[in-house]
Amino acid sequence: MDTDDLSLPTYRGIIIEAERFNHDLTLRFGVLASNCKNDDDYLNQAETMIKHWLTDENFEIAADVIFFGEPVDLEKFKITLEKLLENITEIRKTPMNEREYEDWG
């Protein structure tokens, strides 16, 4: 799937929120969509990826890879990841078939 196939709450809660922090983070979440079947699959995979980053012993090295060697404030990065997890929790409160989607047709 493409990011255009995400529900509006998922797009806003993940893609837009990631962009507020750093465009390179947005790229990671954008690429993730190509491996997903639907909105819920995307949320599951995004959550798994975020939790992996947060628990990685080499968080600083992982951040270096994620941001292509550009320095970032690691504490703000962690706060952003935690905010993304909160957004995922909120999005899941609405069943997938009741979420608003962009009508591209």
N, C-alpha and C. Protein backbone atom coordinates (compact mmCIF):
# COMPACT_ATOMS: atom_id res chain seq x y z
N MET A 1 0.84 -1.18 0.00
CA MET A 1 0.00 0.00 0.00
C MET A 1 0.88 1.24 0.00
N ASP A 2 0.28 2.36 -0.22
CA ASP A 2 0.96 3.65 -0.26
C ASP A 2 0.46 4.50 0.91
N THR A 3 1.20 5.52 1.27
CA THR A 3 0.73 6.38 2.37
C THR A 3 -0.61 7.03 2.04
N ASP A 4 -0.93 7.18 0.76
CA ASP A 4 -2.24 7.73 0.37
C ASP A 4 -3.38 6.80 0.76
N ASP A 5 -3.08 5.53 1.00
CA ASP A 5 -4.10 4.56 1.38
C ASP A 5 -4.36 4.52 2.89
N LEU A 6 -3.54 5.23 3.65
CA LEU A 6 -3.74 5.27 5.10
C LEU A 6 -4.97 6.10 5.43
N SER A 7 -5.60 5.78 6.54
CA SER A 7 -6.71 6.61 6.99
C SER A 7 -6.17 7.98 7.35
N LEU A 8 -7.03 8.98 7.35
CA LEU A 8 -6.59 10.32 7.70
C LEU A 8 -6.06 10.38 9.13
N PRO A 9 -6.72 9.73 10.12
CA PRO A 9 -6.15 9.77 11.47
C PRO A 9 -4.76 9.12 11.54
N THR A 10 -4.55 8.04 10.81
CA THR A 10 -3.24 7.39 10.81
C THR A 10 -2.21 8.27 10.13
N TYR A 11 -2.57 8.86 9.02
CA TYR A 11 -1.65 9.74 8.30
C TYR A 11 -1.25 10.92 9.19
N ARG A 12 -2.23 11.53 9.82
CA ARG A 12 -1.95 12.69 10.68
C ARG A 12 -1.16 12.28 11.93
N GLY A 13 -1.56 11.15 12.51
CA GLY A 13 -0.97 10.72 13.77
C GLY A 13 0.43 10.16 13.66
N ILE A 14 0.79 9.66 12.48
CA ILE A 14 2.12 9.08 12.29
C ILE A 14 2.95 9.94 11.33
N ILE A 15 2.51 10.07 10.12
CA ILE A 15 3.30 10.75 9.09
C ILE A 15 3.50 12.23 9.44
N ILE A 16 2.42 12.92 9.72
CA ILE A 16 2.52 14.36 10.03
C ILE A 16 3.28 14.59 11.33
N GLU A 17 3.00 13.76 12.34
CA GLU A 17 3.70 13.90 13.62
C GLU A 17 5.19 13.64 13.46
N ALA A 18 5.56 12.64 12.67
CA ALA A 18 6.98 12.36 12.41
C ALA A 18 7.63 13.53 11.69
N GLU A 19 6.91 14.11 10.74
CA GLU A 19 7.44 15.24 9.97
C GLU A 19 7.71 16.45 10.87
N ARG A 20 6.90 16.62 11.89
CA ARG A 20 7.13 17.73 12.83
C ARG A 20 8.49 17.62 13.50
N PHE A 21 8.95 16.38 13.67
CA PHE A 21 10.26 16.19 14.29
C PHE A 21 11.38 16.27 13.27
N ASN A 22 11.28 15.48 12.19
CA ASN A 22 12.37 15.41 11.23
C ASN A 22 11.88 14.69 9.97
N HIS A 23 12.22 15.25 8.84
CA HIS A 23 11.77 14.66 7.57
C HIS A 23 12.31 13.23 7.38
N ASP A 24 13.51 12.97 7.85
CA ASP A 24 14.08 11.62 7.70
C ASP A 24 13.25 10.59 8.46
N LEU A 25 12.67 10.98 9.58
CA LEU A 25 11.79 10.07 10.32
C LEU A 25 10.53 9.80 9.51
N THR A 26 10.03 10.83 8.86
CA THR A 26 8.86 10.67 7.99
C THR A 26 9.14 9.66 6.88
N LEU A 27 10.33 9.72 6.32
CA LEU A 27 10.70 8.78 5.26
C LEU A 27 10.62 7.34 5.76
N ARG A 28 11.08 7.08 6.97
CA ARG A 28 11.04 5.72 7.54
C ARG A 28 9.60 5.21 7.63
N PHE A 29 8.71 6.08 8.08
CA PHE A 29 7.31 5.67 8.21
C PHE A 29 6.62 5.61 6.86
N GLY A 30 7.06 6.40 5.91
CA GLY A 30 6.50 6.33 4.57
C GLY A 30 6.86 5.03 3.87
N VAL A 31 8.11 4.64 3.96
CA VAL A 31 8.58 3.39 3.36
C VAL A 31 7.87 2.20 4.00
N LEU A 32 7.62 2.28 5.29
CA LEU A 32 6.95 1.19 6.01
C LEU A 32 5.61 0.84 5.36
N ALA A 33 4.89 1.84 4.87
CA ALA A 33 3.57 1.60 4.28
C ALA A 33 3.62 0.61 3.13
N SER A 34 4.72 0.60 2.39
CA SER A 34 4.80 -0.29 1.23
C SER A 34 4.79 -1.76 1.61
N ASN A 35 5.06 -2.06 2.87
CA ASN A 35 5.07 -3.45 3.35
C ASN A 35 3.77 -3.84 4.04
N CYS A 36 2.77 -2.98 4.02
CA CYS A 36 1.56 -3.20 4.81
C CYS A 36 0.35 -3.51 3.94
N LYS A 37 -0.58 -4.27 4.53
CA LYS A 37 -1.80 -4.67 3.81
C LYS A 37 -2.93 -3.66 3.97
N ASN A 38 -2.99 -3.04 5.16
CA ASN A 38 -4.08 -2.11 5.43
C ASN A 38 -3.68 -1.20 6.59
N ASP A 39 -4.60 -0.36 7.01
CA ASP A 39 -4.34 0.63 8.05
C ASP A 39 -3.92 -0.03 9.36
N ASP A 40 -4.62 -1.06 9.78
CA ASP A 40 -4.28 -1.72 11.04
C ASP A 40 -2.92 -2.41 10.97
N ASP A 41 -2.62 -3.03 9.84
CA ASP A 41 -1.31 -3.65 9.66
C ASP A 41 -0.22 -2.58 9.78
N TYR A 42 -0.46 -1.43 9.18
CA TYR A 42 0.49 -0.32 9.27
C TYR A 42 0.70 0.10 10.72
N LEU A 43 -0.38 0.27 11.46
CA LEU A 43 -0.26 0.66 12.87
C LEU A 43 0.52 -0.39 13.66
N ASN A 44 0.25 -1.66 13.40
CA ASN A 44 0.98 -2.73 14.09
C ASN A 44 2.47 -2.69 13.78
N GLN A 45 2.79 -2.53 12.51
CA GLN A 45 4.20 -2.51 12.13
C GLN A 45 4.90 -1.25 12.62
N ALA A 46 4.20 -0.13 12.60
CA ALA A 46 4.78 1.12 13.12
C ALA A 46 5.04 0.99 14.61
N GLU A 47 4.09 0.42 15.32
CA GLU A 47 4.25 0.23 16.76
C GLU A 47 5.45 -0.68 17.05
N THR A 48 5.57 -1.76 16.33
CA THR A 48 6.69 -2.68 16.51
C THR A 48 8.02 -1.97 16.25
N MET A 49 8.08 -1.19 15.19
CA MET A 49 9.30 -0.49 14.84
C MET A 49 9.67 0.53 15.93
N ILE A 50 8.70 1.28 16.40
CA ILE A 50 8.94 2.29 17.44
C ILE A 50 9.42 1.62 18.73
N LYS A 51 8.76 0.55 19.14
CA LYS A 51 9.15 -0.13 20.37
C LYS A 51 10.56 -0.72 20.24
N HIS A 52 10.88 -1.20 19.07
CA HIS A 52 12.23 -1.72 18.84
C HIS A 52 13.26 -0.60 19.03
N TRP A 53 12.99 0.55 18.43
CA TRP A 53 13.92 1.67 18.57
C TRP A 53 14.06 2.09 20.03
N LEU A 54 12.94 2.18 20.73
CA LEU A 54 12.98 2.64 22.12
C LEU A 54 13.71 1.68 23.06
N THR A 55 13.72 0.40 22.73
CA THR A 55 14.36 -0.59 23.61
C THR A 55 15.74 -1.02 23.11
N ASP A 56 16.18 -0.44 22.01
CA ASP A 56 17.47 -0.81 21.44
C ASP A 56 18.60 -0.31 22.36
N GLU A 57 19.47 -1.23 22.77
CA GLU A 57 20.62 -0.86 23.60
C GLU A 57 21.49 0.18 22.90
N ASN A 58 21.51 0.12 21.60
CA ASN A 58 22.31 1.03 20.79
C ASN A 58 21.45 2.13 20.19
N PHE A 59 20.59 2.71 21.01
CA PHE A 59 19.64 3.73 20.56
C PHE A 59 20.35 4.85 19.81
N GLU A 60 21.48 5.28 20.32
CA GLU A 60 22.21 6.38 19.70
C GLU A 60 22.70 5.99 18.30
N ILE A 61 23.18 4.76 18.16
CA ILE A 61 23.64 4.28 16.86
C ILE A 61 22.46 4.12 15.91
N ALA A 62 21.35 3.58 16.42
CA ALA A 62 20.14 3.44 15.60
C ALA A 62 19.68 4.80 15.09
N ALA A 63 19.70 5.79 15.97
CA ALA A 63 19.29 7.15 15.57
C ALA A 63 20.21 7.68 14.48
N ASP A 64 21.49 7.39 14.59
CA ASP A 64 22.45 7.82 13.58
C ASP A 64 22.09 7.24 12.21
N VAL A 65 21.67 5.98 12.19
CA VAL A 65 21.28 5.32 10.95
C VAL A 65 19.96 5.90 10.43
N ILE A 66 18.99 6.05 11.32
CA ILE A 66 17.67 6.56 10.94
C ILE A 66 17.80 7.94 10.30
N PHE A 67 18.67 8.77 10.85
CA PHE A 67 18.80 10.15 10.39
C PHE A 67 20.01 10.38 9.50
N PHE A 68 20.50 9.29 8.89
CA PHE A 68 21.57 9.36 7.90
C PHE A 68 22.79 10.14 8.39
N GLY A 69 23.13 9.93 9.67
CA GLY A 69 24.32 10.55 10.23
C GLY A 69 24.15 11.99 10.71
N GLU A 70 22.98 12.55 10.48
CA GLU A 70 22.72 13.92 10.95
C GLU A 70 22.41 13.88 12.44
N PRO A 71 22.98 14.79 13.22
CA PRO A 71 22.71 14.79 14.66
C PRO A 71 21.28 15.21 14.97
N VAL A 72 20.69 14.56 15.95
CA VAL A 72 19.36 14.93 16.44
C VAL A 72 19.40 14.92 17.97
N ASP A 73 18.46 15.62 18.55
CA ASP A 73 18.32 15.61 20.00
C ASP A 73 17.66 14.28 20.38
N LEU A 74 18.43 13.40 21.00
CA LEU A 74 17.93 12.05 21.31
C LEU A 74 16.76 12.07 22.28
N GLU A 75 16.77 13.00 23.22
CA GLU A 75 15.65 13.08 24.17
C GLU A 75 14.37 13.51 23.45
N LYS A 76 14.47 14.47 22.54
CA LYS A 76 13.30 14.89 21.76
C LYS A 76 12.84 13.77 20.82
N PHE A 77 13.79 13.00 20.31
CA PHE A 77 13.44 11.86 19.46
C PHE A 77 12.64 10.84 20.27
N LYS A 78 13.09 10.53 21.47
CA LYS A 78 12.35 9.60 22.33
C LYS A 78 10.96 10.13 22.64
N ILE A 79 10.85 11.40 22.93
CA ILE A 79 9.55 12.01 23.22
C ILE A 79 8.63 11.89 22.00
N THR A 80 9.18 12.11 20.82
CA THR A 80 8.40 11.98 19.59
C THR A 80 7.92 10.55 19.40
N LEU A 81 8.80 9.58 19.64
CA LEU A 81 8.41 8.17 19.50
C LEU A 81 7.31 7.81 20.50
N GLU A 82 7.40 8.31 21.71
CA GLU A 82 6.36 8.05 22.70
C GLU A 82 5.04 8.70 22.29
N LYS A 83 5.11 9.89 21.70
CA LYS A 83 3.91 10.56 21.20
C LYS A 83 3.28 9.73 20.07
N LEU A 84 4.11 9.17 19.21
CA LEU A 84 3.59 8.33 18.13
C LEU A 84 2.87 7.11 18.69
N LEU A 85 3.42 6.51 19.73
CA LEU A 85 2.75 5.36 20.37
C LEU A 85 1.41 5.78 20.96
N GLU A 86 1.35 6.96 21.57
CA GLU A 86 0.08 7.47 22.10
C GLU A 86 -0.92 7.66 20.97
N ASN A 87 -0.46 8.21 19.86
CA ASN A 87 -1.34 8.43 18.71
C ASN A 87 -1.89 7.10 18.18
N ILE A 88 -1.04 6.09 18.12
CA ILE A 88 -1.49 4.77 17.66
C ILE A 88 -2.58 4.24 18.56
N THR A 89 -2.41 4.38 19.86
CA THR A 89 -3.42 3.94 20.82
C THR A 89 -4.74 4.65 20.57
N GLU A 90 -4.69 5.94 20.33
CA GLU A 90 -5.92 6.71 20.08
C GLU A 90 -6.57 6.32 18.77
N ILE A 91 -5.78 6.14 17.73
CA ILE A 91 -6.32 5.77 16.41
C ILE A 91 -7.04 4.43 16.49
N ARG A 92 -6.47 3.49 17.22
CA ARG A 92 -7.06 2.15 17.33
C ARG A 92 -8.41 2.14 18.03
N LYS A 93 -8.75 3.20 18.73
CA LYS A 93 -10.04 3.27 19.40
C LYS A 93 -11.20 3.32 18.39
N THR A 94 -10.87 3.73 17.18
CA THR A 94 -11.86 3.77 16.11
C THR A 94 -11.63 2.57 15.20
N PRO A 95 -12.63 1.73 15.02
CA PRO A 95 -12.45 0.58 14.12
C PRO A 95 -12.02 1.04 12.72
N MET A 96 -11.23 0.22 12.06
CA MET A 96 -10.68 0.59 10.76
C MET A 96 -11.76 1.01 9.77
N ASN A 97 -12.87 0.29 9.76
CA ASN A 97 -13.93 0.61 8.79
C ASN A 97 -14.69 1.89 9.14
N GLU A 98 -14.44 2.46 10.31
CA GLU A 98 -15.09 3.72 10.69
C GLU A 98 -14.14 4.91 10.61
N ARG A 99 -12.90 4.66 10.25
CA ARG A 99 -11.93 5.75 10.11
C ARG A 99 -12.17 6.49 8.80
N GLU A 100 -11.86 7.75 8.80
CA GLU A 100 -12.03 8.58 7.61
C GLU A 100 -10.84 8.36 6.66
N TYR A 101 -11.17 8.18 5.38
CA TYR A 101 -10.14 8.01 4.34
C TYR A 101 -10.30 9.08 3.29
N GLU A 102 -9.19 9.45 2.68
CA GLU A 102 -9.21 10.43 1.59
C GLU A 102 -9.83 9.76 0.38
N ASP A 103 -10.73 10.47 -0.29
CA ASP A 103 -11.34 9.96 -1.51
C ASP A 103 -10.57 10.52 -2.69
N TRP A 104 -9.68 9.71 -3.26
CA TRP A 104 -8.84 10.15 -4.36
C TRP A 104 -9.51 9.97 -5.72
N GLY A 105 -10.72 9.36 -5.71
CA GLY A 105 -11.39 9.08 -6.97
C GLY A 105 -12.21 10.20 -7.41
